[in-house]
Amino acid sequence: MNKGEIFEVEDGEIKRKRRNCPKCGEGVFLAEHENRVSCGKCGYTEFQE
């Protein structure tokens, strides 16, 4: 995974493409799967409808 998959530059500012884990906090991103998002560090998972 490279930084281009996680961040994008918009109007001269860096924006995150992925959400942060609500348990782990800033800097730990949720992995996007077909039907869920999950944290690889703590195991937090949200299923999508």
PDB file of N, CA and C in Angstrom:
ATOM      1  N   MET A   1       0.851  -1.161   0.000  1.00  0.00           N
ATOM      2  CA  MET A   1       0.000   0.000   0.000  1.00  0.00           C
ATOM      3  C   MET A   1       0.902   1.231   0.000  1.00  0.00           C
ATOM      4  N   ASN A   2       0.567   2.166  -0.852  1.00  0.00           N
ATOM      5  CA  ASN A   2       1.341   3.402  -0.878  1.00  0.00           C
ATOM      6  C   ASN A   2       0.490   4.561  -0.346  1.00  0.00           C
ATOM      7  N   LYS A   3       1.117   5.667  -0.113  1.00  0.00           N
ATOM      8  CA  LYS A   3       0.430   6.818   0.483  1.00  0.00           C
ATOM      9  C   LYS A   3      -0.658   7.389  -0.416  1.00  0.00           C
ATOM     10  N   GLY A   4      -0.539   7.167  -1.717  1.00  0.00           N
ATOM     11  CA  GLY A   4      -1.544   7.641  -2.653  1.00  0.00           C
ATOM     12  C   GLY A   4      -2.886   6.940  -2.497  1.00  0.00           C
ATOM     13  N   GLU A   5      -2.882   5.764  -1.886  1.00  0.00           N
ATOM     14  CA  GLU A   5      -4.123   5.037  -1.647  1.00  0.00           C
ATOM     15  C   GLU A   5      -4.838   5.532  -0.392  1.00  0.00           C
ATOM     16  N   ILE A   6      -4.122   6.214   0.481  1.00  0.00           N
ATOM     17  CA  ILE A   6      -4.684   6.656   1.759  1.00  0.00           C
ATOM     18  C   ILE A   6      -4.960   8.154   1.775  1.00  0.00           C
ATOM     19  N   PHE A   7      -4.090   8.943   1.115  1.00  0.00           N
ATOM     20  CA  PHE A   7      -4.203  10.394   1.136  1.00  0.00           C
ATOM     21  C   PHE A   7      -4.391  10.942  -0.270  1.00  0.00           C
ATOM     22  N   GLU A   8      -4.986  12.133  -0.373  1.00  0.00           N
ATOM     23  CA  GLU A   8      -5.073  12.860  -1.629  1.00  0.00           C
ATOM     24  C   GLU A   8      -4.866  14.342  -1.342  1.00  0.00           C
ATOM     25  N   VAL A   9      -4.385  15.055  -2.325  1.00  0.00           N
ATOM     26  CA  VAL A   9      -4.168  16.493  -2.188  1.00  0.00           C
ATOM     27  C   VAL A   9      -5.316  17.204  -2.889  1.00  0.00           C
ATOM     28  N   GLU A  10      -5.990  18.068  -2.143  1.00  0.00           N
ATOM     29  CA  GLU A  10      -7.125  18.810  -2.689  1.00  0.00           C
ATOM     30  C   GLU A  10      -6.994  20.271  -2.264  1.00  0.00           C
ATOM     31  N   ASP A  11      -6.915  21.153  -3.211  1.00  0.00           N
ATOM     32  CA  ASP A  11      -6.759  22.592  -2.950  1.00  0.00           C
ATOM     33  C   ASP A  11      -5.542  22.881  -2.074  1.00  0.00           C
ATOM     34  N   GLY A  12      -4.461  22.139  -2.291  1.00  0.00           N
ATOM     35  CA  GLY A  12      -3.233  22.359  -1.540  1.00  0.00           C
ATOM     36  C   GLY A  12      -3.239  21.790  -0.133  1.00  0.00           C
ATOM     37  N   GLU A  13      -4.277  21.045   0.239  1.00  0.00           N
ATOM     38  CA  GLU A  13      -4.359  20.426   1.562  1.00  0.00           C
ATOM     39  C   GLU A  13      -4.411  18.913   1.423  1.00  0.00           C
ATOM     40  N   ILE A  14      -3.851  18.230   2.400  1.00  0.00           N
ATOM     41  CA  ILE A  14      -3.862  16.773   2.387  1.00  0.00           C
ATOM     42  C   ILE A  14      -5.156  16.291   3.034  1.00  0.00           C
ATOM     43  N   LYS A  15      -5.872  15.416   2.333  1.00  0.00           N
ATOM     44  CA  LYS A  15      -7.136  14.856   2.826  1.00  0.00           C
ATOM     45  C   LYS A  15      -6.982  13.346   2.953  1.00  0.00           C
ATOM     46  N   ARG A  16      -7.612  12.768   3.957  1.00  0.00           N
ATOM     47  CA  ARG A  16      -7.606  11.317   4.123  1.00  0.00           C
ATOM     48  C   ARG A  16      -8.725  10.712   3.287  1.00  0.00           C
ATOM     49  N   LYS A  17      -8.446   9.602   2.624  1.00  0.00           N
ATOM     50  CA  LYS A  17      -9.460   8.900   1.851  1.00  0.00           C
ATOM     51  C   LYS A  17     -10.203   7.883   2.716  1.00  0.00           C
ATOM     52  N   ARG A  18      -9.547   7.387   3.756  1.00  0.00           N
ATOM     53  CA  ARG A  18     -10.131   6.350   4.598  1.00  0.00           C
ATOM     54  C   ARG A  18     -10.435   6.885   5.984  1.00  0.00           C
ATOM     55  N   ARG A  19     -11.361   6.211   6.651  1.00  0.00           N
ATOM     56  CA  ARG A  19     -11.756   6.622   7.998  1.00  0.00           C
ATOM     57  C   ARG A  19     -10.754   6.114   9.030  1.00  0.00           C
ATOM     58  N   ASN A  20     -10.653   6.821  10.146  1.00  0.00           N
ATOM     59  CA  ASN A  20      -9.842   6.377  11.266  1.00  0.00           C
ATOM     60  C   ASN A  20     -10.636   5.401  12.115  1.00  0.00           C
ATOM     61  N   CYS A  21      -9.943   4.522  12.807  1.00  0.00           N
ATOM     62  CA  CYS A  21     -10.589   3.586  13.721  1.00  0.00           C
ATOM     63  C   CYS A  21     -11.107   4.361  14.933  1.00  0.00           C
ATOM     64  N   PRO A  22     -12.387   4.177  15.309  1.00  0.00           N
ATOM     65  CA  PRO A  22     -12.916   4.911  16.459  1.00  0.00           C
ATOM     66  C   PRO A  22     -12.317   4.453  17.787  1.00  0.00           C
ATOM     67  N   LYS A  23     -11.805   3.231  17.864  1.00  0.00           N
ATOM     68  CA  LYS A  23     -11.190   2.735  19.103  1.00  0.00           C
ATOM     69  C   LYS A  23      -9.723   3.133  19.208  1.00  0.00           C
ATOM     70  N   CYS A  24      -8.977   2.986  18.116  1.00  0.00           N
ATOM     71  CA  CYS A  24      -7.539   3.256  18.128  1.00  0.00           C
ATOM     72  C   CYS A  24      -7.209   4.729  17.964  1.00  0.00           C
ATOM     73  N   GLY A  25      -8.053   5.482  17.265  1.00  0.00           N
ATOM     74  CA  GLY A  25      -7.845   6.917  17.109  1.00  0.00           C
ATOM     75  C   GLY A  25      -7.095   7.291  15.846  1.00  0.00           C
ATOM     76  N   GLU A  26      -6.575   8.504  15.853  1.00  0.00           N
ATOM     77  CA  GLU A  26      -5.899   9.079  14.691  1.00  0.00           C
ATOM     78  C   GLU A  26      -4.706   8.232  14.259  1.00  0.00           C
ATOM     79  N   GLY A  27      -4.562   8.082  12.950  1.00  0.00           N
ATOM     80  CA  GLY A  27      -3.403   7.391  12.401  1.00  0.00           C
ATOM     81  C   GLY A  27      -3.602   5.916  12.145  1.00  0.00           C
ATOM     82  N   VAL A  28      -4.690   5.338  12.638  1.00  0.00           N
ATOM     83  CA  VAL A  28      -4.991   3.930  12.381  1.00  0.00           C
ATOM     84  C   VAL A  28      -6.243   3.907  11.511  1.00  0.00           C
ATOM     85  N   PHE A  29      -6.085   3.442  10.284  1.00  0.00           N
ATOM     86  CA  PHE A  29      -7.166   3.505   9.311  1.00  0.00           C
ATOM     87  C   PHE A  29      -7.942   2.195   9.246  1.00  0.00           C
ATOM     88  N   LEU A  30      -9.206   2.302   8.835  1.00  0.00           N
ATOM     89  CA  LEU A  30     -10.043   1.129   8.633  1.00  0.00           C
ATOM     90  C   LEU A  30      -9.840   0.618   7.213  1.00  0.00           C
ATOM     91  N   ALA A  31      -9.611  -0.687   7.093  1.00  0.00           N
ATOM     92  CA  ALA A  31      -9.464  -1.311   5.781  1.00  0.00           C
ATOM     93  C   ALA A  31     -10.839  -1.484   5.161  1.00  0.00           C
ATOM     94  N   GLU A  32     -10.938  -1.223   3.872  1.00  0.00           N
ATOM     95  CA  GLU A  32     -12.213  -1.324   3.184  1.00  0.00           C
ATOM     96  C   GLU A  32     -12.306  -2.670   2.481  1.00  0.00           C
ATOM     97  N   HIS A  33     -13.306  -3.463   2.864  1.00  0.00           N
ATOM     98  CA  HIS A  33     -13.570  -4.751   2.250  1.00  0.00           C
ATOM     99  C   HIS A  33     -14.888  -4.660   1.495  1.00  0.00           C
ATOM    100  N   GLU A  34     -15.286  -5.737   0.854  1.00  0.00           N
ATOM    101  CA  GLU A  34     -16.486  -5.730   0.025  1.00  0.00           C
ATOM    102  C   GLU A  34     -17.747  -5.392   0.823  1.00  0.00           C
ATOM    103  N   ASN A  35     -17.901  -5.968   2.015  1.00  0.00           N
ATOM    104  CA  ASN A  35     -19.125  -5.769   2.788  1.00  0.00           C
ATOM    105  C   ASN A  35     -18.880  -5.218   4.191  1.00  0.00           C
ATOM    106  N   ARG A  36     -17.672  -4.753   4.468  1.00  0.00           N
ATOM    107  CA  ARG A  36     -17.355  -4.272   5.808  1.00  0.00           C
ATOM    108  C   ARG A  36     -16.120  -3.381   5.781  1.00  0.00           C
ATOM    109  N   VAL A  37     -15.912  -2.657   6.867  1.00  0.00           N
ATOM    110  CA  VAL A  37     -14.650  -1.963   7.121  1.00  0.00           C
ATOM    111  C   VAL A  37     -14.118  -2.511   8.434  1.00  0.00           C
ATOM    112  N   SER A  38     -12.805  -2.688   8.526  1.00  0.00           N
ATOM    113  CA  SER A  38     -12.248  -3.284   9.733  1.00  0.00           C
ATOM    114  C   SER A  38     -10.881  -2.708  10.056  1.00  0.00           C
ATOM    115  N   CYS A  39     -10.546  -2.782  11.340  1.00  0.00           N
ATOM    116  CA  CYS A  39      -9.255  -2.324  11.840  1.00  0.00           C
ATOM    117  C   CYS A  39      -8.350  -3.532  12.018  1.00  0.00           C
ATOM    118  N   GLY A  40      -7.174  -3.490  11.447  1.00  0.00           N
ATOM    119  CA  GLY A  40      -6.221  -4.579  11.573  1.00  0.00           C
ATOM    120  C   GLY A  40      -5.505  -4.587  12.898  1.00  0.00           C
ATOM    121  N   LYS A  41      -5.560  -3.489  13.627  1.00  0.00           N
ATOM    122  CA  LYS A  41      -4.857  -3.400  14.900  1.00  0.00           C
ATOM    123  C   LYS A  41      -5.686  -3.968  16.054  1.00  0.00           C
ATOM    124  N   CYS A  42      -6.954  -3.531  16.170  1.00  0.00           N
ATOM    125  CA  CYS A  42      -7.771  -3.957  17.321  1.00  0.00           C
ATOM    126  C   CYS A  42      -8.905  -4.908  16.943  1.00  0.00           C
ATOM    127  N   GLY A  43      -9.185  -5.047  15.633  1.00  0.00           N
ATOM    128  CA  GLY A  43     -10.231  -5.958  15.196  1.00  0.00           C
ATOM    129  C   GLY A  43     -11.613  -5.339  15.081  1.00  0.00           C
ATOM    130  N   TYR A  44     -11.732  -4.034  15.313  1.00  0.00           N
ATOM    131  CA  TYR A  44     -13.024  -3.346  15.184  1.00  0.00           C
ATOM    132  C   TYR A  44     -13.567  -3.552  13.769  1.00  0.00           C
ATOM    133  N   THR A  45     -14.864  -3.893  13.655  1.00  0.00           N
ATOM    134  CA  THR A  45     -15.486  -4.147  12.356  1.00  0.00           C
ATOM    135  C   THR A  45     -16.859  -3.512  12.287  1.00  0.00           C
ATOM    136  N   GLU A  46     -17.163  -2.907  11.150  1.00  0.00           N
ATOM    137  CA  GLU A  46     -18.505  -2.394  10.859  1.00  0.00           C
ATOM    138  C   GLU A  46     -18.963  -3.060   9.574  1.00  0.00           C
ATOM    139  N   PHE A  47     -20.123  -3.705   9.617  1.00  0.00           N
ATOM    140  CA  PHE A  47     -20.678  -4.318   8.418  1.00  0.00           C
ATOM    141  C   PHE A  47     -21.546  -3.311   7.693  1.00  0.00           C
ATOM    142  N   GLN A  48     -21.454  -3.317   6.368  1.00  0.00           N
ATOM    143  CA  GLN A  48     -22.228  -2.389   5.547  1.00  0.00           C
ATOM    144  C   GLN A  48     -23.406  -3.137   4.934  1.00  0.00           C
ATOM    145  N   GLU A  49     -24.493  -2.430   4.750  1.00  0.00           N
ATOM    146  CA  GLU A  49     -25.687  -3.059   4.179  1.00  0.00           C
ATOM    147  C   GLU A  49     -25.640  -3.093   2.684  1.00  0.00           C
TER     148      GLU A  49
END
